[in-house]
Amino acid sequence: MIANTAASAPLPGQNAQGSDAHDSVSSGEIAVGVIIGRTSEFFDFFVYAIASIVVFPKLVFPYVDALTGTLYSFAIFALAFIARPLGTTIFMAVDRAYGRGAKLTIALFMLGTSTVAVAFLPGYQSIGDASAILLSVLRIGQGLALGGTWDGLASLLALNVPDKRRGWYAMIPQLGAPLGLMVASALFAFFITTLSAGDFLDWGWRYPFFVAFAINVVALFARLRIVVTPEYSELFGSRDLEPEPVARTLQVEGRNVVIGTFAPLASFALFHMVTVFPLSWVFLFTQDSPGQFLIIEMVAAAFGVVAIIASGPIADRIGRRTLLGASAVAIAAFSGFAPQLLDAGGVGEAAFMLLGFVLLGISFGQSSGSVASNFSPAHRYTASALTSDFAWLFGAGFAPLVALFLASRFGLLSVGAYLLSGAACTLLALILSRRLDRA
């Protein structure tokens, strides 16, 4: 099922045979739009995630110990993933009524406003428990907005490429994750290492949220430049990438949405195991500087970029389903020993991050939109958005909270068991998918 192909339609600037000289330019425009959009979204994601570890426990929950404060902070962190499917439902209605351009404009401004408002968040010392309530509201606002940022470009790209290059183009949207992490980590590392602890907690941490708003504005205009042009509007329509009601889509495509949600669960669980959780463990349970660890994260993320790119030709050679299955087995093996490296000092931390990001890049590079071509044409656009929402919710939304709770109570070995469960879910989903293909 995952490896099924769809017939290609000519891109803007192509003739019916796809031989126009502007073909590569049009493909490049889609790719650039996808990368810019995903990088801006992941930058927002990581700015908030890092602040959830190094800022919010002290700013919003100073009345509890550091571990409890971080667990509270991770609980609020998860709210965006819960709200995201609701945001998709709301913004699909906006899309049907007012168009994709209006949907993206409202969603990205809502995302930017919710993000930049966090920069002005008063602490517990100023407004008491209202600080946590306000942070929760803003986090829900981010989640609702993220549900509206689905522009269909990733699906459009995947459905308009040669069969033998499908893996290569499938990895392009995934590059936004390590790129967003590198920029967010660099900003926080700079402020943490150059400011005093007092200045950082007072005002230094707020600047990355202002940068996030600026990046959102740039991303908005870059994406609108593509999706609202007549040529791309016509192509979206010809590929049936038009919004449909969520309830009707789930009724028709529920089976494929479920498979698409759980097929990449191993890589989505690993995603937070090497991006968010390690920083919380190092910050709470070691003497290492968070600024130093953020630099390690930046370097490891660069290896992740290379691994994501490498996943393209590998998937085109052996198949996306095979790569996802092999990656799940590798993640299962990784879960058996790697988490303990976080207690092995700087060398162990670096080894964990480098190994983790290489494995993440190979698996995550092919984890998104793996069943998009199997959705019925009329429901492909909405079903792809919902699949992404649910995959992030079940695969990653609660991962930092669960991992930190388990590790603090039962040790790092329990984190490996949690990661192993994600690998098992992926393998089961792939087996089910294969059986349904044969039915």
Foldseek 3Di string as FASTA:
>chain_A
DLLDAADAAAAVQADRVNPGPCRVVRLVLLLVLLLLLLLLLLLLLQLLLVCLQLAQLCFAPVVDDNLVSSLLSLVLLLLLLVLQVVLLQVLLVVCVVPNLLVLQVVLLLLLLVLLLVLLVQHGCVVVNNVSVVSSSVSSSSNSSSNSSNQRCSLVNSLRNDDSLQNLQSLLSSVLSNLSSLLVSLVQVLVLLVPDDSVCCNVRSSSVSSVVSSVSSVVSSVSNCVQCVDPSNVVSCVVQLLGRDRPVVLCVQCVLVLVLLQQQLLLLLLLSCVQRRQLLNCCVPPHPDDSSVLSVLLSVLSVLLSVLLSVLRNVCSVVNLLVQSLVLLVVLLVCLQPLLCLSVVPPVSSSVSSNVSSNSSSNNVSSSAPSCLSVRDSNNSNSSSSSSVSSNCSVRPSCSNSVQSVCCVVPNSSVNSVVSNVSSVSSNVSSVVVVVVVVD
